[in-house]
Amino acid sequence: MGTFFCTNIEMVNPSYVLKLPFLEQKKLGNRVRAFRIMPSLTNLTQKTITFSRINLSFWQDPEVSKEFWIEQKIIPGDQSHTTSSYLIRSDVPSQQKLYDKLQSIKTDEAYKEVILELVDMQHKK
C-alpha cells in the first residue's frame, strides 16, 4: 500500500504532516482476520516532539474512530516510525465496526475517506 495524505482541512505551511503509511491485512490463527495499522507524523516545527495523539475517523462514518499514540522522539524534519503498530481484530466485538470499515476502505481502495486528526502533541522541554 502507498502512503496517503489524510486531512479534513486545507493547510498552507503546515507544522506537521499526518500520513497513513501502514495498513496491512493479516490472517491470525483460527481463521481470525486483522489489520496492522499505524499513522505517522512528520515534524516540520523547530521543536522535538516527544508524544502525539492522532485520531483516525472516516468521512462517511464519523462515529467509527480510533485514537493512536505515538510515543517517540521526533526531531525537526523527521518522521515517526511505524515499527510499533496497532492490531485491529475481526473477532473482538469492540473493534468490529473499525475492522469492517478498514476492510471496506482496503477492498474499495477508498483511502480518501480516511481522516487523520492531531489531538494532542507534546514537545521536549
PDB file of N, CA and C in Angstrom:
ATOM      1  N   MET A   1       0.838  -1.170   0.000  1.00  0.00           N
ATOM      2  CA  MET A   1       0.000   0.000   0.000  1.00  0.00           C
ATOM      3  C   MET A   1       0.884   1.235   0.000  1.00  0.00           C
ATOM      4  N   GLY A   2       0.462   2.250  -0.694  1.00  0.00           N
ATOM      5  CA  GLY A   2       1.193   3.511  -0.716  1.00  0.00           C
ATOM      6  C   GLY A   2       0.874   4.334   0.511  1.00  0.00           C
ATOM      7  N   THR A   3       1.538   5.467   0.609  1.00  0.00           N
ATOM      8  CA  THR A   3       1.287   6.399   1.703  1.00  0.00           C
ATOM      9  C   THR A   3       0.227   7.388   1.253  1.00  0.00           C
ATOM     10  N   PHE A   4      -0.727   7.684   2.114  1.00  0.00           N
ATOM     11  CA  PHE A   4      -1.812   8.595   1.766  1.00  0.00           C
ATOM     12  C   PHE A   4      -1.839   9.763   2.721  1.00  0.00           C
ATOM     13  N   PHE A   5      -1.997  10.958   2.158  1.00  0.00           N
ATOM     14  CA  PHE A   5      -2.122  12.174   2.940  1.00  0.00           C
ATOM     15  C   PHE A   5      -3.590  12.297   3.319  1.00  0.00           C
ATOM     16  N   CYS A   6      -3.897  12.314   4.602  1.00  0.00           N
ATOM     17  CA  CYS A   6      -5.282  12.277   5.066  1.00  0.00           C
ATOM     18  C   CYS A   6      -5.573  13.488   5.949  1.00  0.00           C
ATOM     19  N   THR A   7      -6.465  14.359   5.491  1.00  0.00           N
ATOM     20  CA  THR A   7      -6.831  15.508   6.306  1.00  0.00           C
ATOM     21  C   THR A   7      -8.231  15.970   5.937  1.00  0.00           C
ATOM     22  N   ASN A   8      -8.855  16.663   6.861  1.00  0.00           N
ATOM     23  CA  ASN A   8     -10.177  17.226   6.584  1.00  0.00           C
ATOM     24  C   ASN A   8     -10.111  18.746   6.495  1.00  0.00           C
ATOM     25  N   ILE A   9      -8.900  19.309   6.490  1.00  0.00           N
ATOM     26  CA  ILE A   9      -8.740  20.756   6.354  1.00  0.00           C
ATOM     27  C   ILE A   9      -7.616  21.068   5.378  1.00  0.00           C
ATOM     28  N   GLU A  10      -7.709  22.204   4.740  1.00  0.00           N
ATOM     29  CA  GLU A  10      -6.658  22.652   3.826  1.00  0.00           C
ATOM     30  C   GLU A  10      -5.560  23.335   4.636  1.00  0.00           C
ATOM     31  N   MET A  11      -4.324  23.019   4.345  1.00  0.00           N
ATOM     32  CA  MET A  11      -3.216  23.609   5.113  1.00  0.00           C
ATOM     33  C   MET A  11      -2.236  24.281   4.160  1.00  0.00           C
ATOM     34  N   VAL A  12      -1.809  25.482   4.507  1.00  0.00           N
ATOM     35  CA  VAL A  12      -0.811  26.205   3.692  1.00  0.00           C
ATOM     36  C   VAL A  12       0.522  26.130   4.413  1.00  0.00           C
ATOM     37  N   ASN A  13       1.401  26.009   4.776  1.00  0.00           N
ATOM     38  CA  ASN A  13       2.573  25.953   5.643  1.00  0.00           C
ATOM     39  C   ASN A  13       2.322  25.110   6.903  1.00  0.00           C
ATOM     40  N   PRO A  14       2.112  23.861   6.758  1.00  0.00           N
ATOM     41  CA  PRO A  14       1.823  23.026   7.934  1.00  0.00           C
ATOM     42  C   PRO A  14       3.017  22.904   8.878  1.00  0.00           C
ATOM     43  N   SER A  15       2.723  22.689  10.135  1.00  0.00           N
ATOM     44  CA  SER A  15       3.755  22.446  11.140  1.00  0.00           C
ATOM     45  C   SER A  15       4.045  20.952  11.288  1.00  0.00           C
ATOM     46  N   TYR A  16       3.168  20.159  10.767  1.00  0.00           N
ATOM     47  CA  TYR A  16       3.305  18.704  10.806  1.00  0.00           C
ATOM     48  C   TYR A  16       2.517  18.112   9.654  1.00  0.00           C
ATOM     49  N   VAL A  17       2.830  16.872   9.309  1.00  0.00           N
ATOM     50  CA  VAL A  17       2.105  16.148   8.266  1.00  0.00           C
ATOM     51  C   VAL A  17       1.715  14.790   8.843  1.00  0.00           C
ATOM     52  N   LEU A  18       0.447  14.437   8.725  1.00  0.00           N
ATOM     53  CA  LEU A  18      -0.046  13.135   9.160  1.00  0.00           C
ATOM     54  C   LEU A  18      -0.274  12.260   7.936  1.00  0.00           C
ATOM     55  N   LYS A  19       0.181  11.021   8.020  1.00  0.00           N
ATOM     56  CA  LYS A  19       0.008  10.069   6.916  1.00  0.00           C
ATOM     57  C   LYS A  19      -0.394   8.714   7.486  1.00  0.00           C
ATOM     58  N   LEU A  20      -0.901   7.879   6.607  1.00  0.00           N
ATOM     59  CA  LEU A  20      -1.221   6.502   6.983  1.00  0.00           C
ATOM     60  C   LEU A  20      -0.380   5.567   6.108  1.00  0.00           C
ATOM     61  N   PRO A  21       0.906   5.391   6.468  1.00  0.00           N
ATOM     62  CA  PRO A  21       1.784   4.575   5.637  1.00  0.00           C
ATOM     63  C   PRO A  21       1.679   3.078   5.900  1.00  0.00           C
ATOM     64  N   PHE A  22       1.004   2.700   6.999  1.00  0.00           N
ATOM     65  CA  PHE A  22       0.995   1.287   7.365  1.00  0.00           C
ATOM     66  C   PHE A  22      -0.431   0.816   7.644  1.00  0.00           C
ATOM     67  N   LEU A  23      -0.991   0.081   6.699  1.00  0.00           N
ATOM     68  CA  LEU A  23      -2.296  -0.567   6.838  1.00  0.00           C
ATOM     69  C   LEU A  23      -2.171  -1.912   6.129  1.00  0.00           C
ATOM     70  N   GLU A  24      -2.039  -2.944   6.936  1.00  0.00           N
ATOM     71  CA  GLU A  24      -1.741  -4.261   6.384  1.00  0.00           C
ATOM     72  C   GLU A  24      -2.724  -5.295   6.917  1.00  0.00           C
ATOM     73  N   GLN A  25      -3.288  -6.065   6.022  1.00  0.00           N
ATOM     74  CA  GLN A  25      -4.224  -7.114   6.421  1.00  0.00           C
ATOM     75  C   GLN A  25      -3.440  -8.354   6.835  1.00  0.00           C
ATOM     76  N   LYS A  26      -3.885  -8.983   7.925  1.00  0.00           N
ATOM     77  CA  LYS A  26      -3.230 -10.170   8.466  1.00  0.00           C
ATOM     78  C   LYS A  26      -4.260 -11.274   8.682  1.00  0.00           C
ATOM     79  N   LYS A  27      -3.795 -12.498   8.600  1.00  0.00           N
ATOM     80  CA  LYS A  27      -4.619 -13.641   8.970  1.00  0.00           C
ATOM     81  C   LYS A  27      -3.949 -14.284  10.173  1.00  0.00           C
ATOM     82  N   LEU A  28      -4.659 -14.287  11.293  1.00  0.00           N
ATOM     83  CA  LEU A  28      -4.130 -14.887  12.516  1.00  0.00           C
ATOM     84  C   LEU A  28      -4.598 -16.332  12.590  1.00  0.00           C
ATOM     85  N   GLY A  29      -4.104 -17.071  13.558  1.00  0.00           N
ATOM     86  CA  GLY A  29      -4.552 -18.447  13.725  1.00  0.00           C
ATOM     87  C   GLY A  29      -6.057 -18.523  13.957  1.00  0.00           C
ATOM     88  N   ASN A  30      -6.636 -19.659  13.787  1.00  0.00           N
ATOM     89  CA  ASN A  30      -8.068 -19.892  13.988  1.00  0.00           C
ATOM     90  C   ASN A  30      -8.937 -19.038  13.062  1.00  0.00           C
ATOM     91  N   ARG A  31      -8.451 -18.750  11.886  1.00  0.00           N
ATOM     92  CA  ARG A  31      -9.196 -18.013  10.854  1.00  0.00           C
ATOM     93  C   ARG A  31      -9.595 -16.595  11.244  1.00  0.00           C
ATOM     94  N   VAL A  32      -8.935 -16.048  12.202  1.00  0.00           N
ATOM     95  CA  VAL A  32      -9.209 -14.672  12.616  1.00  0.00           C
ATOM     96  C   VAL A  32      -8.451 -13.732  11.685  1.00  0.00           C
ATOM     97  N   ARG A  33      -9.148 -12.726  11.212  1.00  0.00           N
ATOM     98  CA  ARG A  33      -8.525 -11.718  10.354  1.00  0.00           C
ATOM     99  C   ARG A  33      -8.306 -10.442  11.164  1.00  0.00           C
ATOM    100  N   ALA A  34      -7.295  -9.687  10.762  1.00  0.00           N
ATOM    101  CA  ALA A  34      -6.950  -8.469  11.500  1.00  0.00           C
ATOM    102  C   ALA A  34      -6.254  -7.486  10.565  1.00  0.00           C
ATOM    103  N   PHE A  35      -6.111  -6.273  11.045  1.00  0.00           N
ATOM    104  CA  PHE A  35      -5.326  -5.255  10.365  1.00  0.00           C
ATOM    105  C   PHE A  35      -4.240  -4.767  11.311  1.00  0.00           C
ATOM    106  N   ARG A  36      -3.047  -4.611  10.788  1.00  0.00           N
ATOM    107  CA  ARG A  36      -1.982  -3.893  11.474  1.00  0.00           C
ATOM    108  C   ARG A  36      -2.039  -2.488  10.895  1.00  0.00           C
ATOM    109  N   ILE A  37      -2.103  -1.491  11.772  1.00  0.00           N
ATOM    110  CA  ILE A  37      -2.262  -0.116  11.319  1.00  0.00           C
ATOM    111  C   ILE A  37      -1.445   0.830  12.186  1.00  0.00           C
ATOM    112  N   MET A  38      -0.851   1.851  11.547  1.00  0.00           N
ATOM    113  CA  MET A  38      -0.122   2.860  12.297  1.00  0.00           C
ATOM    114  C   MET A  38       0.032   4.115  11.447  1.00  0.00           C
ATOM    115  N   PRO A  39      -0.500   5.240  11.944  1.00  0.00           N
ATOM    116  CA  PRO A  39      -0.260   6.506  11.251  1.00  0.00           C
ATOM    117  C   PRO A  39       1.154   7.001  11.555  1.00  0.00           C
ATOM    118  N   SER A  40       1.606   7.982  10.784  1.00  0.00           N
ATOM    119  CA  SER A  40       2.907   8.593  11.060  1.00  0.00           C
ATOM    120  C   SER A  40       2.746  10.107  11.109  1.00  0.00           C
ATOM    121  N   LEU A  41       3.686  10.739  11.789  1.00  0.00           N
ATOM    122  CA  LEU A  41       3.696  12.187  11.930  1.00  0.00           C
ATOM    123  C   LEU A  41       5.065  12.698  11.488  1.00  0.00           C
ATOM    124  N   THR A  42       5.073  13.661  10.569  1.00  0.00           N
ATOM    125  CA  THR A  42       6.308  14.316  10.156  1.00  0.00           C
ATOM    126  C   THR A  42       6.374  15.655  10.872  1.00  0.00           C
ATOM    127  N   ASN A  43       7.476  15.898  11.542  1.00  0.00           N
ATOM    128  CA  ASN A  43       7.661  17.100  12.338  1.00  0.00           C
ATOM    129  C   ASN A  43       8.285  18.207  11.491  1.00  0.00           C
ATOM    130  N   LEU A  44       7.508  19.244  11.181  1.00  0.00           N
ATOM    131  CA  LEU A  44       8.011  20.380  10.412  1.00  0.00           C
ATOM    132  C   LEU A  44       8.256  21.599  11.300  1.00  0.00           C
ATOM    133  N   THR A  45       8.193  21.404  12.624  1.00  0.00           N
ATOM    134  CA  THR A  45       8.448  22.503  13.562  1.00  0.00           C
ATOM    135  C   THR A  45       9.941  22.558  13.871  1.00  0.00           C
ATOM    136  N   GLN A  46      10.336  23.485  14.697  1.00  0.00           N
ATOM    137  CA  GLN A  46      11.729  23.600  15.132  1.00  0.00           C
ATOM    138  C   GLN A  46      11.944  22.946  16.498  1.00  0.00           C
ATOM    139  N   LYS A  47      10.901  22.286  17.016  1.00  0.00           N
ATOM    140  CA  LYS A  47      10.975  21.641  18.327  1.00  0.00           C
ATOM    141  C   LYS A  47      10.920  20.126  18.158  1.00  0.00           C
ATOM    142  N   THR A  48      11.487  19.418  19.122  1.00  0.00           N
ATOM    143  CA  THR A  48      11.423  17.957  19.123  1.00  0.00           C
ATOM    144  C   THR A  48      10.111  17.516  19.757  1.00  0.00           C
ATOM    145  N   ILE A  49       9.379  16.673  19.055  1.00  0.00           N
ATOM    146  CA  ILE A  49       8.110  16.140  19.550  1.00  0.00           C
ATOM    147  C   ILE A  49       8.415  14.877  20.352  1.00  0.00           C
ATOM    148  N   THR A  50       7.783  14.744  21.523  1.00  0.00           N
ATOM    149  CA  THR A  50       8.007  13.562  22.360  1.00  0.00           C
ATOM    150  C   THR A  50       6.777  12.659  22.455  1.00  0.00           C
ATOM    151  N   PHE A  51       5.620  13.197  22.136  1.00  0.00           N
ATOM    152  CA  PHE A  51       4.379  12.424  22.253  1.00  0.00           C
ATOM    153  C   PHE A  51       3.315  13.070  21.364  1.00  0.00           C
ATOM    154  N   SER A  52       2.486  12.244  20.736  1.00  0.00           N
ATOM    155  CA  SER A  52       1.343  12.779  19.994  1.00  0.00           C
ATOM    156  C   SER A  52       0.193  11.772  20.025  1.00  0.00           C
ATOM    157  N   ARG A  53      -1.014  12.318  19.981  1.00  0.00           N
ATOM    158  CA  ARG A  53      -2.231  11.510  19.878  1.00  0.00           C
ATOM    159  C   ARG A  53      -2.893  11.868  18.556  1.00  0.00           C
ATOM    160  N   ILE A  54      -3.211  10.853  17.782  1.00  0.00           N
ATOM    161  CA  ILE A  54      -3.829  11.041  16.471  1.00  0.00           C
ATOM    162  C   ILE A  54      -5.138  10.268  16.437  1.00  0.00           C
ATOM    163  N   ASN A  55      -6.187  10.925  15.985  1.00  0.00           N
ATOM    164  CA  ASN A  55      -7.483  10.274  15.855  1.00  0.00           C
ATOM    165  C   ASN A  55      -7.728   9.936  14.384  1.00  0.00           C
ATOM    166  N   LEU A  56      -8.112   8.698  14.130  1.00  0.00           N
ATOM    167  CA  LEU A  56      -8.475   8.253  12.793  1.00  0.00           C
ATOM    168  C   LEU A  56      -9.991   8.133  12.746  1.00  0.00           C
ATOM    169  N   SER A  57     -10.602   8.742  11.743  1.00  0.00           N
ATOM    170  CA  SER A  57     -12.048   8.619  11.534  1.00  0.00           C
ATOM    171  C   SER A  57     -12.308   8.568  10.033  1.00  0.00           C
ATOM    172  N   PHE A  58     -13.572   8.595   9.651  1.00  0.00           N
ATOM    173  CA  PHE A  58     -13.943   8.412   8.248  1.00  0.00           C
ATOM    174  C   PHE A  58     -15.002   9.437   7.844  1.00  0.00           C
ATOM    175  N   TRP A  59     -14.878   9.953   6.614  1.00  0.00           N
ATOM    176  CA  TRP A  59     -15.836  10.949   6.112  1.00  0.00           C
ATOM    177  C   TRP A  59     -17.270  10.440   6.195  1.00  0.00           C
ATOM    178  N   GLN A  60     -17.516   9.248   5.718  1.00  0.00           N
ATOM    179  CA  GLN A  60     -18.877   8.713   5.626  1.00  0.00           C
ATOM    180  C   GLN A  60     -19.365   8.064   6.910  1.00  0.00           C
ATOM    181  N   ASP A  61     -18.487   7.886   7.871  1.00  0.00           N
ATOM    182  CA  ASP A  61     -18.823   7.155   9.091  1.00  0.00           C
ATOM    183  C   ASP A  61     -18.080   7.756  10.284  1.00  0.00           C
ATOM    184  N   PRO A  62     -18.347   9.021  10.650  1.00  0.00           N
ATOM    185  CA  PRO A  62     -17.544   9.694  11.680  1.00  0.00           C
ATOM    186  C   PRO A  62     -17.619   9.076  13.076  1.00  0.00           C
ATOM    187  N   GLU A  63     -18.658   8.290  13.354  1.00  0.00           N
ATOM    188  CA  GLU A  63     -18.753   7.689  14.694  1.00  0.00           C
ATOM    189  C   GLU A  63     -17.799   6.504  14.860  1.00  0.00           C
ATOM    190  N   VAL A  64     -17.268   5.984  13.772  1.00  0.00           N
ATOM    191  CA  VAL A  64     -16.261   4.927  13.848  1.00  0.00           C
ATOM    192  C   VAL A  64     -14.901   5.616  13.871  1.00  0.00           C
ATOM    193  N   SER A  65     -14.171   5.422  14.964  1.00  0.00           N
ATOM    194  CA  SER A  65     -12.875   6.096  15.077  1.00  0.00           C
ATOM    195  C   SER A  65     -11.939   5.301  15.988  1.00  0.00           C
ATOM    196  N   LYS A  66     -10.683   5.691  15.949  1.00  0.00           N
ATOM    197  CA  LYS A  66      -9.668   5.046  16.784  1.00  0.00           C
ATOM    198  C   LYS A  66      -8.585   6.073  17.086  1.00  0.00           C
ATOM    199  N   GLU A  67      -8.151   6.117  18.326  1.00  0.00           N
ATOM    200  CA  GLU A  67      -7.082   7.018  18.714  1.00  0.00           C
ATOM    201  C   GLU A  67      -5.767   6.248  18.791  1.00  0.00           C
ATOM    202  N   PHE A  68      -4.719   6.835  18.226  1.00  0.00           N
ATOM    203  CA  PHE A  68      -3.386   6.240  18.225  1.00  0.00           C
ATOM    204  C   PHE A  68      -2.434   7.138  19.006  1.00  0.00           C
ATOM    205  N   TRP A  69      -1.526   6.528  19.731  1.00  0.00           N
ATOM    206  CA  TRP A  69      -0.492   7.268  20.452  1.00  0.00           C
ATOM    207  C   TRP A  69       0.841   7.005  19.775  1.00  0.00           C
ATOM    208  N   ILE A  70       1.569   8.074  19.551  1.00  0.00           N
ATOM    209  CA  ILE A  70       2.934   7.950  19.054  1.00  0.00           C
ATOM    210  C   ILE A  70       3.842   8.460  20.160  1.00  0.00           C
ATOM    211  N   GLU A  71       4.518   7.540  20.811  1.00  0.00           N
ATOM    212  CA  GLU A  71       5.408   7.869  21.923  1.00  0.00           C
ATOM    213  C   GLU A  71       6.851   7.708  21.447  1.00  0.00           C
ATOM    214  N   GLN A  72       7.273   8.673  20.638  1.00  0.00           N
ATOM    215  CA  GLN A  72       8.604   8.645  20.046  1.00  0.00           C
ATOM    216  C   GLN A  72       9.197  10.045  20.067  1.00  0.00           C
ATOM    217  N   LYS A  73      10.503  10.091  20.053  1.00  0.00           N
ATOM    218  CA  LYS A  73      11.209  11.359  19.912  1.00  0.00           C
ATOM    219  C   LYS A  73      11.313  11.628  18.409  1.00  0.00           C
ATOM    220  N   ILE A  74      10.650  12.703  17.953  1.00  0.00           N
ATOM    221  CA  ILE A  74      10.661  13.051  16.534  1.00  0.00           C
ATOM    222  C   ILE A  74      11.334  14.421  16.399  1.00  0.00           C
ATOM    223  N   ILE A  75      12.556  14.409  15.920  1.00  0.00           N
ATOM    224  CA  ILE A  75      13.308  15.658  15.799  1.00  0.00           C
ATOM    225  C   ILE A  75      12.782  16.472  14.610  1.00  0.00           C
ATOM    226  N   PRO A  76      13.088  17.768  14.564  1.00  0.00           N
ATOM    227  CA  PRO A  76      12.624  18.590  13.441  1.00  0.00           C
ATOM    228  C   PRO A  76      13.051  18.003  12.089  1.00  0.00           C
ATOM    229  N   GLY A  77      12.099  17.944  11.182  1.00  0.00           N
ATOM    230  CA  GLY A  77      12.355  17.407   9.844  1.00  0.00           C
ATOM    231  C   GLY A  77      12.260  15.898   9.738  1.00  0.00           C
ATOM    232  N   ASP A  78      12.031  15.205  10.840  1.00  0.00           N
ATOM    233  CA  ASP A  78      11.990  13.746  10.845  1.00  0.00           C
ATOM    234  C   ASP A  78      10.538  13.246  10.898  1.00  0.00           C
ATOM    235  N   GLN A  79      10.365  11.956  10.646  1.00  0.00           N
ATOM    236  CA  GLN A  79       9.051  11.317  10.654  1.00  0.00           C
ATOM    237  C   GLN A  79       9.048  10.175  11.659  1.00  0.00           C
ATOM    238  N   SER A  80       7.918   9.968  12.324  1.00  0.00           N
ATOM    239  CA  SER A  80       7.804   8.852  13.259  1.00  0.00           C
ATOM    240  C   SER A  80       7.887   7.530  12.497  1.00  0.00           C
ATOM    241  N   HIS A  81       8.393   6.522  13.165  1.00  0.00           N
ATOM    242  CA  HIS A  81       8.486   5.203  12.529  1.00  0.00           C
ATOM    243  C   HIS A  81       7.187   4.423  12.768  1.00  0.00           C
ATOM    244  N   THR A  82       7.000   3.376  12.003  1.00  0.00           N
ATOM    245  CA  THR A  82       5.801   2.538  12.147  1.00  0.00           C
ATOM    246  C   THR A  82       6.185   1.125  12.571  1.00  0.00           C
ATOM    247  N   THR A  83       7.322   0.994  13.231  1.00  0.00           N
ATOM    248  CA  THR A  83       7.766  -0.310  13.717  1.00  0.00           C
ATOM    249  C   THR A  83       6.750  -0.884  14.700  1.00  0.00           C
ATOM    250  N   SER A  84       6.267  -0.044  15.601  1.00  0.00           N
ATOM    251  CA  SER A  84       5.182  -0.438  16.508  1.00  0.00           C
ATOM    252  C   SER A  84       3.873  -0.094  15.815  1.00  0.00           C
ATOM    253  N   SER A  85       2.895  -0.971  15.936  1.00  0.00           N
ATOM    254  CA  SER A  85       1.610  -0.715  15.294  1.00  0.00           C
ATOM    255  C   SER A  85       0.486  -1.292  16.140  1.00  0.00           C
ATOM    256  N   TYR A  86      -0.720  -0.952  15.776  1.00  0.00           N
ATOM    257  CA  TYR A  86      -1.912  -1.434  16.475  1.00  0.00           C
ATOM    258  C   TYR A  86      -2.516  -2.590  15.688  1.00  0.00           C
ATOM    259  N   LEU A  87      -3.086  -3.544  16.412  1.00  0.00           N
ATOM    260  CA  LEU A  87      -3.749  -4.686  15.801  1.00  0.00           C
ATOM    261  C   LEU A  87      -5.255  -4.529  15.990  1.00  0.00           C
ATOM    262  N   ILE A  88      -5.987  -4.476  14.900  1.00  0.00           N
ATOM    263  CA  ILE A  88      -7.450  -4.376  14.928  1.00  0.00           C
ATOM    264  C   ILE A  88      -7.989  -5.724  14.458  1.00  0.00           C
ATOM    265  N   ARG A  89      -8.627  -6.463  15.379  1.00  0.00           N
ATOM    266  CA  ARG A  89      -9.048  -7.840  15.110  1.00  0.00           C
ATOM    267  C   ARG A  89     -10.534  -7.926  14.762  1.00  0.00           C
ATOM    268  N   SER A  90     -10.854  -8.852  13.873  1.00  0.00           N
ATOM    269  CA  SER A  90     -12.248  -9.057  13.459  1.00  0.00           C
ATOM    270  C   SER A  90     -13.068  -9.777  14.521  1.00  0.00           C
ATOM    271  N   ASP A  91     -12.416 -10.471  15.463  1.00  0.00           N
ATOM    272  CA  ASP A  91     -13.138 -11.259  16.459  1.00  0.00           C
ATOM    273  C   ASP A  91     -13.290 -10.547  17.806  1.00  0.00           C
ATOM    274  N   VAL A  92     -12.917  -9.271  17.879  1.00  0.00           N
ATOM    275  CA  VAL A  92     -13.068  -8.505  19.119  1.00  0.00           C
ATOM    276  C   VAL A  92     -14.269  -7.581  18.940  1.00  0.00           C
ATOM    277  N   PRO A  93     -15.357  -7.820  19.699  1.00  0.00           N
ATOM    278  CA  PRO A  93     -16.589  -7.041  19.493  1.00  0.00           C
ATOM    279  C   PRO A  93     -16.396  -5.524  19.516  1.00  0.00           C
ATOM    280  N   SER A  94     -15.551  -5.019  20.394  1.00  0.00           N
ATOM    281  CA  SER A  94     -15.356  -3.570  20.474  1.00  0.00           C
ATOM    282  C   SER A  94     -14.590  -3.013  19.263  1.00  0.00           C
ATOM    283  N   GLN A  95     -13.962  -3.876  18.486  1.00  0.00           N
ATOM    284  CA  GLN A  95     -13.208  -3.451  17.303  1.00  0.00           C
ATOM    285  C   GLN A  95     -13.910  -3.796  15.995  1.00  0.00           C
ATOM    286  N   GLN A  96     -15.060  -4.436  16.066  1.00  0.00           N
ATOM    287  CA  GLN A  96     -15.721  -4.956  14.866  1.00  0.00           C
ATOM    288  C   GLN A  96     -16.071  -3.871  13.845  1.00  0.00           C
ATOM    289  N   LYS A  97     -16.647  -2.752  14.289  1.00  0.00           N
ATOM    290  CA  LYS A  97     -17.020  -1.688  13.352  1.00  0.00           C
ATOM    291  C   LYS A  97     -15.791  -1.090  12.676  1.00  0.00           C
ATOM    292  N   LEU A  98     -14.727  -0.892  13.451  1.00  0.00           N
ATOM    293  CA  LEU A  98     -13.496  -0.358  12.876  1.00  0.00           C
ATOM    294  C   LEU A  98     -12.883  -1.355  11.903  1.00  0.00           C
ATOM    295  N   TYR A  99     -12.860  -2.624  12.265  1.00  0.00           N
ATOM    296  CA  TYR A  99     -12.331  -3.647  11.361  1.00  0.00           C
ATOM    297  C   TYR A  99     -13.122  -3.652  10.054  1.00  0.00           C
ATOM    298  N   ASP A 100     -14.453  -3.642  10.153  1.00  0.00           N
ATOM    299  CA  ASP A 100     -15.302  -3.660   8.948  1.00  0.00           C
ATOM    300  C   ASP A 100     -15.046  -2.437   8.073  1.00  0.00           C
ATOM    301  N   LYS A 101     -14.881  -1.286   8.699  1.00  0.00           N
ATOM    302  CA  LYS A 101     -14.634  -0.058   7.940  1.00  0.00           C
ATOM    303  C   LYS A 101     -13.277  -0.121   7.246  1.00  0.00           C
ATOM    304  N   LEU A 102     -12.259  -0.590   7.943  1.00  0.00           N
ATOM    305  CA  LEU A 102     -10.942  -0.737   7.324  1.00  0.00           C
ATOM    306  C   LEU A 102     -10.979  -1.742   6.180  1.00  0.00           C
ATOM    307  N   GLN A 103     -11.738  -2.814   6.359  1.00  0.00           N
ATOM    308  CA  GLN A 103     -11.890  -3.811   5.300  1.00  0.00           C
ATOM    309  C   GLN A 103     -12.527  -3.182   4.060  1.00  0.00           C
ATOM    310  N   SER A 104     -13.557  -2.380   4.281  1.00  0.00           N
ATOM    311  CA  SER A 104     -14.233  -1.690   3.176  1.00  0.00           C
ATOM    312  C   SER A 104     -13.288  -0.714   2.473  1.00  0.00           C
ATOM    313  N   ILE A 105     -12.532   0.041   3.241  1.00  0.00           N
ATOM    314  CA  ILE A 105     -11.573   1.005   2.681  1.00  0.00           C
ATOM    315  C   ILE A 105     -10.532   0.274   1.833  1.00  0.00           C
ATOM    316  N   LYS A 106     -10.014  -0.823   2.365  1.00  0.00           N
ATOM    317  CA  LYS A 106      -8.980  -1.592   1.668  1.00  0.00           C
ATOM    318  C   LYS A 106      -9.535  -2.238   0.394  1.00  0.00           C
ATOM    319  N   THR A 107     -10.710  -2.846   0.491  1.00  0.00           N
ATOM    320  CA  THR A 107     -11.318  -3.521  -0.653  1.00  0.00           C
ATOM    321  C   THR A 107     -11.658  -2.543  -1.773  1.00  0.00           C
ATOM    322  N   ASP A 108     -12.249  -1.406  -1.409  1.00  0.00           N
ATOM    323  CA  ASP A 108     -12.688  -0.422  -2.400  1.00  0.00           C
ATOM    324  C   ASP A 108     -11.599   0.591  -2.761  1.00  0.00           C
ATOM    325  N   GLU A 109     -10.440   0.475  -2.119  1.00  0.00           N
ATOM    326  CA  GLU A 109      -9.360   1.442  -2.288  1.00  0.00           C
ATOM    327  C   GLU A 109      -9.874   2.867  -2.096  1.00  0.00           C
ATOM    328  N   ALA A 110     -10.672   3.052  -1.051  1.00  0.00           N
ATOM    329  CA  ALA A 110     -11.305   4.338  -0.752  1.00  0.00           C
ATOM    330  C   ALA A 110     -10.529   5.079   0.332  1.00  0.00           C
ATOM    331  N   TYR A 111      -9.226   5.187   0.154  1.00  0.00           N
ATOM    332  CA  TYR A 111      -8.360   5.796   1.170  1.00  0.00           C
ATOM    333  C   TYR A 111      -8.676   7.274   1.388  1.00  0.00           C
ATOM    334  N   LYS A 112      -9.278   7.912   0.403  1.00  0.00           N
ATOM    335  CA  LYS A 112      -9.622   9.333   0.547  1.00  0.00           C
ATOM    336  C   LYS A 112     -10.693   9.555   1.614  1.00  0.00           C
ATOM    337  N   GLU A 113     -11.325   8.497   2.068  1.00  0.00           N
ATOM    338  CA  GLU A 113     -12.344   8.597   3.104  1.00  0.00           C
ATOM    339  C   GLU A 113     -11.746   8.660   4.519  1.00  0.00           C
ATOM    340  N   VAL A 114     -10.456   8.359   4.648  1.00  0.00           N
ATOM    341  CA  VAL A 114      -9.779   8.339   5.942  1.00  0.00           C
ATOM    342  C   VAL A 114      -9.411   9.768   6.361  1.00  0.00           C
ATOM    343  N   ILE A 115      -9.697  10.105   7.611  1.00  0.00           N
ATOM    344  CA  ILE A 115      -9.322  11.401   8.179  1.00  0.00           C
ATOM    345  C   ILE A 115      -8.393  11.150   9.361  1.00  0.00           C
ATOM    346  N   LEU A 116      -7.252  11.818   9.369  1.00  0.00           N
ATOM    347  CA  LEU A 116      -6.334  11.782  10.498  1.00  0.00           C
ATOM    348  C   LEU A 116      -6.312  13.172  11.115  1.00  0.00           C
ATOM    349  N   GLU A 117      -6.473  13.221  12.431  1.00  0.00           N
ATOM    350  CA  GLU A 117      -6.525  14.497  13.139  1.00  0.00           C
ATOM    351  C   GLU A 117      -5.574  14.452  14.330  1.00  0.00           C
ATOM    352  N   LEU A 118      -4.737  15.475  14.441  1.00  0.00           N
ATOM    353  CA  LEU A 118      -3.843  15.575  15.585  1.00  0.00           C
ATOM    354  C   LEU A 118      -4.632  16.099  16.772  1.00  0.00           C
ATOM    355  N   VAL A 119      -4.720  15.297  17.824  1.00  0.00           N
ATOM    356  CA  VAL A 119      -5.499  15.642  19.012  1.00  0.00           C
ATOM    357  C   VAL A 119      -4.620  16.312  20.071  1.00  0.00           C
ATOM    358  N   ASP A 120      -3.406  15.823  20.213  1.00  0.00           N
ATOM    359  CA  ASP A 120      -2.504  16.349  21.243  1.00  0.00           C
ATOM    360  C   ASP A 120      -1.072  16.112  20.801  1.00  0.00           C
ATOM    361  N   MET A 121      -0.189  17.046  21.187  1.00  0.00           N
ATOM    362  CA  MET A 121       1.225  16.901  20.868  1.00  0.00           C
ATOM    363  C   MET A 121       2.028  17.538  22.004  1.00  0.00           C
ATOM    364  N   GLN A 122       3.079  16.849  22.421  1.00  0.00           N
ATOM    365  CA  GLN A 122       3.951  17.390  23.455  1.00  0.00           C
ATOM    366  C   GLN A 122       5.364  17.517  22.908  1.00  0.00           C
ATOM    367  N   HIS A 123       6.024  18.611  23.286  1.00  0.00           N
ATOM    368  CA  HIS A 123       7.382  18.892  22.836  1.00  0.00           C
ATOM    369  C   HIS A 123       8.381  18.686  23.949  1.00  0.00           C
ATOM    370  N   LYS A 124       9.622  18.466  23.580  1.00  0.00           N
ATOM    371  CA  LYS A 124      10.715  18.345  24.547  1.00  0.00           C
ATOM    372  C   LYS A 124      10.917  19.706  25.215  1.00  0.00           C
ATOM    373  N   LYS A 125      11.052  19.669  26.522  1.00  0.00           N
ATOM    374  CA  LYS A 125      11.217  20.924  27.286  1.00  0.00           C
ATOM    375  C   LYS A 125      12.669  21.303  27.423  1.00  0.00           C
TER     376      LYS A 125
END
